[in-house]
C-alpha atoms as a PDB file:
ATOM      1  CA  MET A   1     -21.649 -90.972  23.701  1.00  0.00           C
ATOM      2  CA  PHE A   2     -19.742 -94.339  23.590  1.00  0.00           C
ATOM      3  CA  LEU A   3     -21.043 -96.239  20.001  1.00  0.00           C
ATOM      4  CA  VAL A   4     -21.017 -93.329  17.772  1.00  0.00           C
ATOM      5  CA  PRO A   5     -16.926 -91.753  18.353  1.00  0.00           C
ATOM      6  CA  GLU A   6     -16.147 -95.390  18.520  1.00  0.00           C
ATOM      7  CA  ILE A   7     -17.540 -96.409  15.244  1.00  0.00           C
ATOM      8  CA  LEU A   8     -16.574 -93.215  13.703  1.00  0.00           C
ATOM      9  CA  TRP A   9     -13.120 -93.344  14.479  1.00  0.00           C
ATOM     10  CA  SER A  10     -12.635 -95.974  17.178  1.00  0.00           C
ATOM     11  CA  PRO A  11     -10.550 -93.799  19.520  1.00  0.00           C
ATOM     12  CA  LEU A  12     -10.694 -97.317  22.041  1.00  0.00           C
ATOM     13  CA  TRP A  13      -9.533-100.008  20.462  1.00  0.00           C
ATOM     14  CA  ASN A  14      -6.877 -98.168  17.793  1.00  0.00           C
ATOM     15  CA  SER A  15      -5.660 -97.082  21.689  1.00  0.00           C
ATOM     16  CA  ILE A  16      -5.171-100.260  23.101  1.00  0.00           C
ATOM     17  CA  ASP A  17      -4.729-102.273  19.600  1.00  0.00           C
ATOM     18  CA  SER A  18      -1.616 -99.836  19.522  1.00  0.00           C
ATOM     19  CA  LEU A  19      -0.359-100.484  23.356  1.00  0.00           C
ATOM     20  CA  LEU A  20      -0.528-104.224  22.261  1.00  0.00           C
ATOM     21  CA  GLN A  21       1.589-104.215  19.329  1.00  0.00           C
ATOM     22  CA  ASN A  22       5.478-104.128  19.146  1.00  0.00           C
ATOM     23  CA  SER A  23       6.631-100.248  19.709  1.00  0.00           C
ATOM     24  CA  ASN A  24       8.527-100.364  16.991  1.00  0.00           C
ATOM     25  CA  ASN A  25       6.373-101.223  14.176  1.00  0.00           C
ATOM     26  CA  ALA A  26       2.732-100.254  15.515  1.00  0.00           C
ATOM     27  CA  VAL A  27      -0.160-100.073  13.019  1.00  0.00           C
ATOM     28  CA  ILE A  28      -2.950 -98.439  13.529  1.00  0.00           C
ATOM     29  CA  PHE A  29      -6.262-100.356  13.146  1.00  0.00           C
ATOM     30  CA  ARG A  30      -8.564 -97.909  11.820  1.00  0.00           C
ATOM     31  CA  PRO A  31      -6.367 -94.307  10.429  1.00  0.00           C
ATOM     32  CA  ASN A  32      -8.273 -91.644  11.003  1.00  0.00           C
ATOM     33  CA  PHE A  33      -7.908 -87.853  11.950  1.00  0.00           C
ATOM     34  CA  LEU A  34      -7.415 -89.214  15.895  1.00  0.00           C
ATOM     35  CA  THR A  35      -4.693 -90.596  15.206  1.00  0.00           C
ATOM     36  CA  GLY A  36      -2.045 -87.690  13.916  1.00  0.00           C
ATOM     37  CA  SER A  37       0.236 -86.513  16.804  1.00  0.00           C
ATOM     38  CA  GLY A  38      -1.182 -82.964  16.203  1.00  0.00           C
ATOM     39  CA  ASN A  39      -4.925 -84.098  17.313  1.00  0.00           C
ATOM     40  CA  ILE A  40      -4.174 -85.686  20.817  1.00  0.00           C
ATOM     41  CA  ASN A  41      -6.096 -83.280  22.253  1.00  0.00           C
ATOM     42  CA  ILE A  42      -9.129 -83.987  20.700  1.00  0.00           C
ATOM     43  CA  LEU A  43      -8.415 -87.668  21.025  1.00  0.00           C
ATOM     44  CA  LEU A  44      -9.040 -86.565  24.993  1.00  0.00           C
ATOM     45  CA  LEU A  45     -12.187 -84.643  24.472  1.00  0.00           C
ATOM     46  CA  VAL A  46     -14.073 -87.847  22.411  1.00  0.00           C
ATOM     47  CA  LEU A  47     -12.384 -90.310  25.248  1.00  0.00           C
ATOM     48  CA  ALA A  48     -13.672 -88.507  27.962  1.00  0.00           C
ATOM     49  CA  ALA A  49     -17.172 -88.025  26.146  1.00  0.00           C
ATOM     50  CA  GLN A  50     -17.036 -92.101  25.823  1.00  0.00           C
ATOM     51  CA  PHE A  51     -15.905 -92.119  29.525  1.00  0.00           C
ATOM     52  CA  VAL A  52     -18.720 -89.818  30.479  1.00  0.00           C
ATOM     53  CA  GLY A  53     -21.519 -91.716  28.476  1.00  0.00           C
ATOM     54  CA  LEU A  54     -20.590 -95.209  29.859  1.00  0.00           C
ATOM     55  CA  LEU A  55     -20.962 -93.526  33.602  1.00  0.00           C
ATOM     56  CA  GLY A  56     -24.152 -92.441  32.570  1.00  0.00           C
ATOM     57  CA  MET A  57     -25.059 -95.842  31.006  1.00  0.00           C
ATOM     58  CA  PHE A  58     -24.239 -97.306  34.419  1.00  0.00           C
ATOM     59  CA  VAL A  59     -26.060 -95.472  36.526  1.00  0.00           C
ATOM     60  CA  THR A  60     -28.884 -96.311  33.688  1.00  0.00           C
ATOM     61  CA  SER A  61     -29.034 -99.584  34.075  1.00  0.00           C
ATOM     62  CA  TYR A  62     -28.274-100.070  38.031  1.00  0.00           C
ATOM     63  CA  LYS A  63     -31.049 -98.613  38.909  1.00  0.00           C
ATOM     64  CA  ALA A  64     -33.151 -99.975  36.175  1.00  0.00           C
ATOM     65  CA  ARG A  65     -35.446-102.709  36.704  1.00  0.00           C
ATOM     66  CA  LEU A  66     -34.254-105.959  34.562  1.00  0.00           C
ATOM     67  CA  ASN A  67     -33.708-109.652  34.919  1.00  0.00           C
ATOM     68  CA  ARG A  68     -31.082-110.515  37.343  1.00  0.00           C
ATOM     69  CA  LEU A  69     -28.835-112.256  35.017  1.00  0.00           C
ATOM     70  CA  LEU A  70     -29.259-109.477  32.320  1.00  0.00           C
ATOM     71  CA  LYS A  71     -28.518-107.016  34.695  1.00  0.00           C
ATOM     72  CA  THR A  72     -25.406-108.121  36.167  1.00  0.00           C
ATOM     73  CA  ALA A  73     -23.851-109.387  32.282  1.00  0.00           C
ATOM     74  CA  TYR A  74     -24.593-105.757  31.147  1.00  0.00           C
ATOM     75  CA  ILE A  75     -23.316-104.018  34.312  1.00  0.00           C
ATOM     76  CA  THR A  76     -20.120-106.669  33.929  1.00  0.00           C
ATOM     77  CA  VAL A  77     -19.650-105.409  30.269  1.00  0.00           C
ATOM     78  CA  LEU A  78     -20.301-101.825  31.175  1.00  0.00           C
ATOM     79  CA  VAL A  79     -17.372-101.705  34.036  1.00  0.00           C
ATOM     80  CA  LEU A  80     -15.261-103.897  31.801  1.00  0.00           C
ATOM     81  CA  LEU A  81     -15.540-100.861  28.970  1.00  0.00           C
ATOM     82  CA  ILE A  82     -15.377 -98.491  31.869  1.00  0.00           C
ATOM     83  CA  ILE A  83     -12.249 -99.753  33.145  1.00  0.00           C
ATOM     84  CA  SER A  84     -10.706 -99.575  29.793  1.00  0.00           C
ATOM     85  CA  THR A  85     -11.686 -96.607  28.520  1.00  0.00           C
ATOM     86  CA  GLY A  86     -10.202 -94.491  31.730  1.00  0.00           C
ATOM     87  CA  PHE A  87      -6.999 -96.149  31.075  1.00  0.00           C
ATOM     88  CA  VAL A  88      -6.991 -95.000  27.815  1.00  0.00           C
ATOM     89  CA  LEU A  89      -7.848 -91.925  28.674  1.00  0.00           C
ATOM     90  CA  PHE A  90      -5.255 -91.459  31.484  1.00  0.00           C
ATOM     91  CA  VAL A  91      -2.732 -92.840  29.584  1.00  0.00           C
ATOM     92  CA  GLY A  92      -3.306 -90.529  26.466  1.00  0.00           C
ATOM     93  CA  PHE A  93      -4.135 -87.584  28.996  1.00  0.00           C
ATOM     94  CA  SER A  94      -0.010 -88.839  30.973  1.00  0.00           C
ATOM     95  CA  LEU A  95       1.805 -88.586  27.746  1.00  0.00           C
ATOM     96  CA  ARG A  96      -0.270 -86.014  26.103  1.00  0.00           C
ATOM     97  CA  HIS A  97       3.432 -83.757  25.677  1.00  0.00           C
ATOM     98  CA  GLY A  98       5.003 -86.837  24.725  1.00  0.00           C
ATOM     99  CA  ILE A  99       7.392 -89.674  26.636  1.00  0.00           C
ATOM    100  CA  GLY A 100      10.164 -87.187  28.680  1.00  0.00           C
ATOM    101  CA  PHE A 101      11.996 -86.553  31.656  1.00  0.00           C
END
């Protein structure tokens, strides 16, 4: 649930890359239909599916019987991906109507 949308459209990497660039001249890493301003609901749906998929992978790997070092490395990578996906999902959800007061 995480890899397929990320391979096809790169929503997480596009969002992080846009946040790290100069906001005046942000260049999309890999343009696709999710980068359009009218598709924010589809982007949020894809990011939510990725987040749920990562949480499922985390629970499954936490319960699995693996080598301690391998399990620690795998869970560390999953936690970093969960945090970054959750952050991008939160920012996208918060700014879905645009910036304004």
